[in-house]
Amino acid sequence: GRTVSSLNMAWFRQPPGKEREFVATIGWSA
């Protein structure tokens, strides 16, 4: 639906029984 190069992309994770947390992000520039 849209190129990843035009989006701010990120990874999050949620351990068992815990809240979601930030892991990593990549901007328009790799």
ModelCIF file with pLDDT and N, C-alpha, C, O atoms, coordinates in Angstrom:
data_MODEL
#
_entry.id   MODEL 
#
_entity.id                         1 
_entity.type                       polymer 
_entity.pdbx_number_of_molecules   1 
#
_entity_poly.entity_id                      1 
_entity_poly.type                           'polypeptide(L)' 
_entity_poly.nstd_linkage                   no 
_entity_poly.nstd_monomer                   no 
_entity_poly.pdbx_seq_one_letter_code       GRTVSSLNMAWFRQPPGKEREFVATIGWSA 
_entity_poly.pdbx_seq_one_letter_code_can   GRTVSSLNMAWFRQPPGKEREFVATIGWSA 
_entity_poly.pdbx_strand_id                 A 
#
loop_
_entity_poly_seq.entity_id 
_entity_poly_seq.num 
_entity_poly_seq.mon_id 
_entity_poly_seq.hetero 
1 1  GLY n 
1 2  ARG n 
1 3  THR n 
1 4  VAL n 
1 5  SER n 
1 6  SER n 
1 7  LEU n 
1 8  ASN n 
1 9  MET n 
1 10 ALA n 
1 11 TRP n 
1 12 PHE n 
1 13 ARG n 
1 14 GLN n 
1 15 PRO n 
1 16 PRO n 
1 17 GLY n 
1 18 LYS n 
1 19 GLU n 
1 20 ARG n 
1 21 GLU n 
1 22 PHE n 
1 23 VAL n 
1 24 ALA n 
1 25 THR n 
1 26 ILE n 
1 27 GLY n 
1 28 TRP n 
1 29 SER n 
1 30 ALA n 
#
_struct_asym.id          A 
_struct_asym.entity_id   1 
#
loop_
_ma_qa_metric.id 
_ma_qa_metric.mode 
_ma_qa_metric.name 
_ma_qa_metric.software_group_id 
_ma_qa_metric.type 
1 global pLDDT . pLDDT 
2 local  pLDDT . pLDDT 
#
_ma_qa_metric_global.metric_id      1 
_ma_qa_metric_global.metric_value   93.50 
_ma_qa_metric_global.model_id       1 
_ma_qa_metric_global.ordinal_id     1 
#
loop_
_ma_qa_metric_local.label_asym_id 
_ma_qa_metric_local.label_comp_id 
_ma_qa_metric_local.label_seq_id 
_ma_qa_metric_local.metric_id 
_ma_qa_metric_local.metric_value 
_ma_qa_metric_local.model_id 
_ma_qa_metric_local.ordinal_id 
A GLY 1  2 94.00 1 1  
A ARG 2  2 93.00 1 2  
A THR 3  2 92.00 1 3  
A VAL 4  2 90.00 1 4  
A SER 5  2 90.00 1 5  
A SER 6  2 90.00 1 6  
A LEU 7  2 92.00 1 7  
A ASN 8  2 93.00 1 8  
A MET 9  2 96.00 1 9  
A ALA 10 2 97.00 1 10 
A TRP 11 2 98.00 1 11 
A PHE 12 2 98.00 1 12 
A ARG 13 2 98.00 1 13 
A GLN 14 2 98.00 1 14 
A PRO 15 2 98.00 1 15 
A PRO 16 2 96.00 1 16 
A GLY 17 2 96.00 1 17 
A LYS 18 2 97.00 1 18 
A GLU 19 2 97.00 1 19 
A ARG 20 2 97.00 1 20 
A GLU 21 2 98.00 1 21 
A PHE 22 2 97.00 1 22 
A VAL 23 2 98.00 1 23 
A ALA 24 2 98.00 1 24 
A THR 25 2 96.00 1 25 
A ILE 26 2 94.00 1 26 
A GLY 27 2 87.00 1 27 
A TRP 28 2 81.00 1 28 
A SER 29 2 81.00 1 29 
A ALA 30 2 75.00 1 30 
#
loop_
_atom_site.group_PDB 
_atom_site.id 
_atom_site.type_symbol 
_atom_site.label_atom_id 
_atom_site.label_alt_id 
_atom_site.label_comp_id 
_atom_site.label_asym_id 
_atom_site.label_entity_id 
_atom_site.label_seq_id 
_atom_site.pdbx_PDB_ins_code 
_atom_site.Cartn_x 
_atom_site.Cartn_y 
_atom_site.Cartn_z 
_atom_site.occupancy 
_atom_site.B_iso_or_equiv 
_atom_site.pdbx_formal_charge 
_atom_site.auth_seq_id 
_atom_site.auth_comp_id 
_atom_site.auth_asym_id 
_atom_site.auth_atom_id 
_atom_site.pdbx_PDB_model_num 
ATOM 1   N N  . GLY A 1 1  ? 0.788  -1.217  0.000  1.00 94.00 ? 1  GLY A N  1 
ATOM 2   C CA . GLY A 1 1  ? 0.000  0.000   0.000  1.00 94.00 ? 1  GLY A CA 1 
ATOM 3   C C  . GLY A 1 1  ? 0.823  1.271   0.000  1.00 94.00 ? 1  GLY A C  1 
ATOM 4   O O  . GLY A 1 1  ? 0.333  2.332   -0.387 1.00 94.00 ? 1  GLY A O  1 
ATOM 5   N N  . ARG A 1 2  ? 2.066  1.172   0.429  1.00 93.00 ? 2  ARG A N  1 
ATOM 6   C CA . ARG A 1 2  ? 2.972  2.312   0.464  1.00 93.00 ? 2  ARG A CA 1 
ATOM 7   C C  . ARG A 1 2  ? 4.395  1.799   0.616  1.00 93.00 ? 2  ARG A C  1 
ATOM 8   O O  . ARG A 1 2  ? 4.615  0.757   1.235  1.00 93.00 ? 2  ARG A O  1 
ATOM 9   N N  . THR A 1 3  ? 5.351  2.510   0.066  1.00 92.00 ? 3  THR A N  1 
ATOM 10  C CA . THR A 1 3  ? 6.737  2.084   0.147  1.00 92.00 ? 3  THR A CA 1 
ATOM 11  C C  . THR A 1 3  ? 7.284  2.326   1.546  1.00 92.00 ? 3  THR A C  1 
ATOM 12  O O  . THR A 1 3  ? 6.964  3.328   2.187  1.00 92.00 ? 3  THR A O  1 
ATOM 13  N N  . VAL A 1 4  ? 8.118  1.394   2.013  1.00 90.00 ? 4  VAL A N  1 
ATOM 14  C CA . VAL A 1 4  ? 8.696  1.528   3.340  1.00 90.00 ? 4  VAL A CA 1 
ATOM 15  C C  . VAL A 1 4  ? 9.644  2.711   3.412  1.00 90.00 ? 4  VAL A C  1 
ATOM 16  O O  . VAL A 1 4  ? 9.872  3.255   4.493  1.00 90.00 ? 4  VAL A O  1 
ATOM 17  N N  . SER A 1 5  ? 10.200 3.119   2.276  1.00 90.00 ? 5  SER A N  1 
ATOM 18  C CA . SER A 1 5  ? 11.114 4.250   2.256  1.00 90.00 ? 5  SER A CA 1 
ATOM 19  C C  . SER A 1 5  ? 10.399 5.575   2.501  1.00 90.00 ? 5  SER A C  1 
ATOM 20  O O  . SER A 1 5  ? 11.043 6.574   2.820  1.00 90.00 ? 5  SER A O  1 
ATOM 21  N N  . SER A 1 6  ? 9.080  5.593   2.355  1.00 90.00 ? 6  SER A N  1 
ATOM 22  C CA . SER A 1 6  ? 8.300  6.798   2.581  1.00 90.00 ? 6  SER A CA 1 
ATOM 23  C C  . SER A 1 6  ? 7.632  6.804   3.951  1.00 90.00 ? 6  SER A C  1 
ATOM 24  O O  . SER A 1 6  ? 6.870  7.718   4.268  1.00 90.00 ? 6  SER A O  1 
ATOM 25  N N  . LEU A 1 7  ? 7.911  5.795   4.760  1.00 92.00 ? 7  LEU A N  1 
ATOM 26  C CA . LEU A 1 7  ? 7.315  5.655   6.077  1.00 92.00 ? 7  LEU A CA 1 
ATOM 27  C C  . LEU A 1 7  ? 8.387  5.612   7.155  1.00 92.00 ? 7  LEU A C  1 
ATOM 28  O O  . LEU A 1 7  ? 9.530  5.232   6.899  1.00 92.00 ? 7  LEU A O  1 
ATOM 29  N N  . ASN A 1 8  ? 8.009  6.003   8.345  1.00 93.00 ? 8  ASN A N  1 
ATOM 30  C CA . ASN A 1 8  ? 8.834  5.760   9.516  1.00 93.00 ? 8  ASN A CA 1 
ATOM 31  C C  . ASN A 1 8  ? 8.440  4.391   10.061 1.00 93.00 ? 8  ASN A C  1 
ATOM 32  O O  . ASN A 1 8  ? 7.307  4.196   10.501 1.00 93.00 ? 8  ASN A O  1 
ATOM 33  N N  . MET A 1 9  ? 9.372  3.450   10.033 1.00 96.00 ? 9  MET A N  1 
ATOM 34  C CA . MET A 1 9  ? 9.103  2.079   10.426 1.00 96.00 ? 9  MET A CA 1 
ATOM 35  C C  . MET A 1 9  ? 9.722  1.775   11.779 1.00 96.00 ? 9  MET A C  1 
ATOM 36  O O  . MET A 1 9  ? 10.721 2.382   12.166 1.00 96.00 ? 9  MET A O  1 
ATOM 37  N N  . ALA A 1 10 ? 9.125  0.834   12.493 1.00 97.00 ? 10 ALA A N  1 
ATOM 38  C CA . ALA A 1 10 ? 9.626  0.485   13.819 1.00 97.00 ? 10 ALA A CA 1 
ATOM 39  C C  . ALA A 1 10 ? 9.264  -0.939  14.187 1.00 97.00 ? 10 ALA A C  1 
ATOM 40  O O  . ALA A 1 10 ? 8.356  -1.539  13.611 1.00 97.00 ? 10 ALA A O  1 
ATOM 41  N N  . TRP A 1 11 ? 9.995  -1.467  15.159 1.00 98.00 ? 11 TRP A N  1 
ATOM 42  C CA . TRP A 1 11 ? 9.692  -2.751  15.773 1.00 98.00 ? 11 TRP A CA 1 
ATOM 43  C C  . TRP A 1 11 ? 9.393  -2.525  17.246 1.00 98.00 ? 11 TRP A C  1 
ATOM 44  O O  . TRP A 1 11 ? 10.110 -1.794  17.930 1.00 98.00 ? 11 TRP A O  1 
ATOM 45  N N  . PHE A 1 12 ? 8.337  -3.152  17.726 1.00 98.00 ? 12 PHE A N  1 
ATOM 46  C CA . PHE A 1 12 ? 7.977  -3.182  19.134 1.00 98.00 ? 12 PHE A CA 1 
ATOM 47  C C  . PHE A 1 12 ? 7.896  -4.636  19.575 1.00 98.00 ? 12 PHE A C  1 
ATOM 48  O O  . PHE A 1 12 ? 7.826  -5.536  18.739 1.00 98.00 ? 12 PHE A O  1 
ATOM 49  N N  . ARG A 1 13 ? 7.905  -4.867  20.865 1.00 98.00 ? 13 ARG A N  1 
ATOM 50  C CA . ARG A 1 13 ? 7.730  -6.221  21.370 1.00 98.00 ? 13 ARG A CA 1 
ATOM 51  C C  . ARG A 1 13 ? 6.947  -6.195  22.670 1.00 98.00 ? 13 ARG A C  1 
ATOM 52  O O  . ARG A 1 13 ? 6.940  -5.197  23.391 1.00 98.00 ? 13 ARG A O  1 
ATOM 53  N N  . GLN A 1 14 ? 6.282  -7.319  22.959 1.00 98.00 ? 14 GLN A N  1 
ATOM 54  C CA . GLN A 1 14 ? 5.499  -7.453  24.176 1.00 98.00 ? 14 GLN A CA 1 
ATOM 55  C C  . GLN A 1 14 ? 5.819  -8.794  24.831 1.00 98.00 ? 14 GLN A C  1 
ATOM 56  O O  . GLN A 1 14 ? 5.347  -9.833  24.370 1.00 98.00 ? 14 GLN A O  1 
ATOM 57  N N  . PRO A 1 15 ? 6.619  -8.783  25.906 1.00 98.00 ? 15 PRO A N  1 
ATOM 58  C CA . PRO A 1 15 ? 6.907  -10.024 26.632 1.00 98.00 ? 15 PRO A CA 1 
ATOM 59  C C  . PRO A 1 15 ? 5.642  -10.566 27.291 1.00 98.00 ? 15 PRO A C  1 
ATOM 60  O O  . PRO A 1 15 ? 4.684  -9.819  27.488 1.00 98.00 ? 15 PRO A O  1 
ATOM 61  N N  . PRO A 1 16 ? 5.625  -11.849 27.633 1.00 96.00 ? 16 PRO A N  1 
ATOM 62  C CA . PRO A 1 16 ? 4.445  -12.443 28.281 1.00 96.00 ? 16 PRO A CA 1 
ATOM 63  C C  . PRO A 1 16 ? 4.084  -11.714 29.566 1.00 96.00 ? 16 PRO A C  1 
ATOM 64  O O  . PRO A 1 16 ? 4.930  -11.532 30.441 1.00 96.00 ? 16 PRO A O  1 
ATOM 65  N N  . GLY A 1 17 ? 2.826  -11.295 29.679 1.00 96.00 ? 17 GLY A N  1 
ATOM 66  C CA . GLY A 1 17 ? 2.339  -10.641 30.879 1.00 96.00 ? 17 GLY A CA 1 
ATOM 67  C C  . GLY A 1 17 ? 2.844  -9.231  31.102 1.00 96.00 ? 17 GLY A C  1 
ATOM 68  O O  . GLY A 1 17 ? 2.619  -8.664  32.172 1.00 96.00 ? 17 GLY A O  1 
ATOM 69  N N  . LYS A 1 18 ? 3.521  -8.645  30.121 1.00 97.00 ? 18 LYS A N  1 
ATOM 70  C CA . LYS A 1 18 ? 4.062  -7.304  30.267 1.00 97.00 ? 18 LYS A CA 1 
ATOM 71  C C  . LYS A 1 18 ? 3.538  -6.378  29.177 1.00 97.00 ? 18 LYS A C  1 
ATOM 72  O O  . LYS A 1 18 ? 2.906  -6.823  28.219 1.00 97.00 ? 18 LYS A O  1 
ATOM 73  N N  . GLU A 1 19 ? 3.806  -5.089  29.334 1.00 97.00 ? 19 GLU A N  1 
ATOM 74  C CA . GLU A 1 19 ? 3.336  -4.105  28.370 1.00 97.00 ? 19 GLU A CA 1 
ATOM 75  C C  . GLU A 1 19 ? 4.250  -4.048  27.153 1.00 97.00 ? 19 GLU A C  1 
ATOM 76  O O  . GLU A 1 19 ? 5.406  -4.469  27.204 1.00 97.00 ? 19 GLU A O  1 
ATOM 77  N N  . ARG A 1 20 ? 3.714  -3.526  26.071 1.00 97.00 ? 20 ARG A N  1 
ATOM 78  C CA . ARG A 1 20 ? 4.482  -3.387  24.843 1.00 97.00 ? 20 ARG A CA 1 
ATOM 79  C C  . ARG A 1 20 ? 5.601  -2.366  25.017 1.00 97.00 ? 20 ARG A C  1 
ATOM 80  O O  . ARG A 1 20 ? 5.425  -1.350  25.689 1.00 97.00 ? 20 ARG A O  1 
ATOM 81  N N  . GLU A 1 21 ? 6.752  -2.645  24.407 1.00 98.00 ? 21 GLU A N  1 
ATOM 82  C CA . GLU A 1 21 ? 7.888  -1.755  24.522 1.00 98.00 ? 21 GLU A CA 1 
ATOM 83  C C  . GLU A 1 21 ? 8.554  -1.529  23.165 1.00 98.00 ? 21 GLU A C  1 
ATOM 84  O O  . GLU A 1 21 ? 8.488  -2.375  22.273 1.00 98.00 ? 21 GLU A O  1 
ATOM 85  N N  . PHE A 1 22 ? 9.189  -0.383  23.033 1.00 97.00 ? 22 PHE A N  1 
ATOM 86  C CA . PHE A 1 22 ? 9.888  -0.009  21.818 1.00 97.00 ? 22 PHE A CA 1 
ATOM 87  C C  . PHE A 1 22 ? 11.169 -0.808  21.667 1.00 97.00 ? 22 PHE A C  1 
ATOM 88  O O  . PHE A 1 22 ? 11.857 -1.079  22.651 1.00 97.00 ? 22 PHE A O  1 
ATOM 89  N N  . VAL A 1 23 ? 11.492 -1.188  20.430 1.00 98.00 ? 23 VAL A N  1 
ATOM 90  C CA . VAL A 1 23 ? 12.710 -1.941  20.143 1.00 98.00 ? 23 VAL A CA 1 
ATOM 91  C C  . VAL A 1 23 ? 13.648 -1.153  19.240 1.00 98.00 ? 23 VAL A C  1 
ATOM 92  O O  . VAL A 1 23 ? 14.795 -0.901  19.609 1.00 98.00 ? 23 VAL A O  1 
ATOM 93  N N  . ALA A 1 24 ? 13.172 -0.757  18.051 1.00 98.00 ? 24 ALA A N  1 
ATOM 94  C CA . ALA A 1 24 ? 14.024 -0.075  17.087 1.00 98.00 ? 24 ALA A CA 1 
ATOM 95  C C  . ALA A 1 24 ? 13.185 0.661   16.062 1.00 98.00 ? 24 ALA A C  1 
ATOM 96  O O  . ALA A 1 24 ? 12.020 0.325   15.847 1.00 98.00 ? 24 ALA A O  1 
ATOM 97  N N  . THR A 1 25 ? 13.775 1.667   15.426 1.00 96.00 ? 25 THR A N  1 
ATOM 98  C CA . THR A 1 25 ? 13.092 2.421   14.382 1.00 96.00 ? 25 THR A CA 1 
ATOM 99  C C  . THR A 1 25 ? 14.068 2.798   13.277 1.00 96.00 ? 25 THR A C  1 
ATOM 100 O O  . THR A 1 25 ? 15.271 2.919   13.508 1.00 96.00 ? 25 THR A O  1 
ATOM 101 N N  . ILE A 1 26 ? 13.533 2.982   12.070 1.00 94.00 ? 26 ILE A N  1 
ATOM 102 C CA . ILE A 1 26 ? 14.321 3.418   10.923 1.00 94.00 ? 26 ILE A CA 1 
ATOM 103 C C  . ILE A 1 26 ? 13.526 4.484   10.180 1.00 94.00 ? 26 ILE A C  1 
ATOM 104 O O  . ILE A 1 26 ? 12.336 4.305   9.922  1.00 94.00 ? 26 ILE A O  1 
ATOM 105 N N  . GLY A 1 27 ? 14.182 5.596   9.832  1.00 87.00 ? 27 GLY A N  1 
ATOM 106 C CA . GLY A 1 27 ? 13.525 6.712   9.177  1.00 87.00 ? 27 GLY A CA 1 
ATOM 107 C C  . GLY A 1 27 ? 13.566 6.634   7.665  1.00 87.00 ? 27 GLY A C  1 
ATOM 108 O O  . GLY A 1 27 ? 13.845 5.582   7.090  1.00 87.00 ? 27 GLY A O  1 
ATOM 109 N N  . TRP A 1 28 ? 13.281 7.773   7.023  1.00 81.00 ? 28 TRP A N  1 
ATOM 110 C CA . TRP A 1 28 ? 13.278 7.820   5.561  1.00 81.00 ? 28 TRP A CA 1 
ATOM 111 C C  . TRP A 1 28 ? 14.662 7.555   5.001  1.00 81.00 ? 28 TRP A C  1 
ATOM 112 O O  . TRP A 1 28 ? 14.807 7.034   3.895  1.00 81.00 ? 28 TRP A O  1 
ATOM 113 N N  . SER A 1 29 ? 15.677 7.915   5.769  1.00 81.00 ? 29 SER A N  1 
ATOM 114 C CA . SER A 1 29 ? 17.051 7.579   5.428  1.00 81.00 ? 29 SER A CA 1 
ATOM 115 C C  . SER A 1 29 ? 17.420 6.289   6.153  1.00 81.00 ? 29 SER A C  1 
ATOM 116 O O  . SER A 1 29 ? 17.239 6.183   7.366  1.00 81.00 ? 29 SER A O  1 
ATOM 117 N N  . ALA A 1 30 ? 17.930 5.321   5.422  1.00 75.00 ? 30 ALA A N  1 
ATOM 118 C CA . ALA A 1 30 ? 18.256 4.021   6.004  1.00 75.00 ? 30 ALA A CA 1 
ATOM 119 C C  . ALA A 1 30 ? 19.290 4.118   7.111  1.00 75.00 ? 30 ALA A C  1 
ATOM 120 O O  . ALA A 1 30 ? 19.665 3.102   7.697  1.00 75.00 ? 30 ALA A O  1 
#
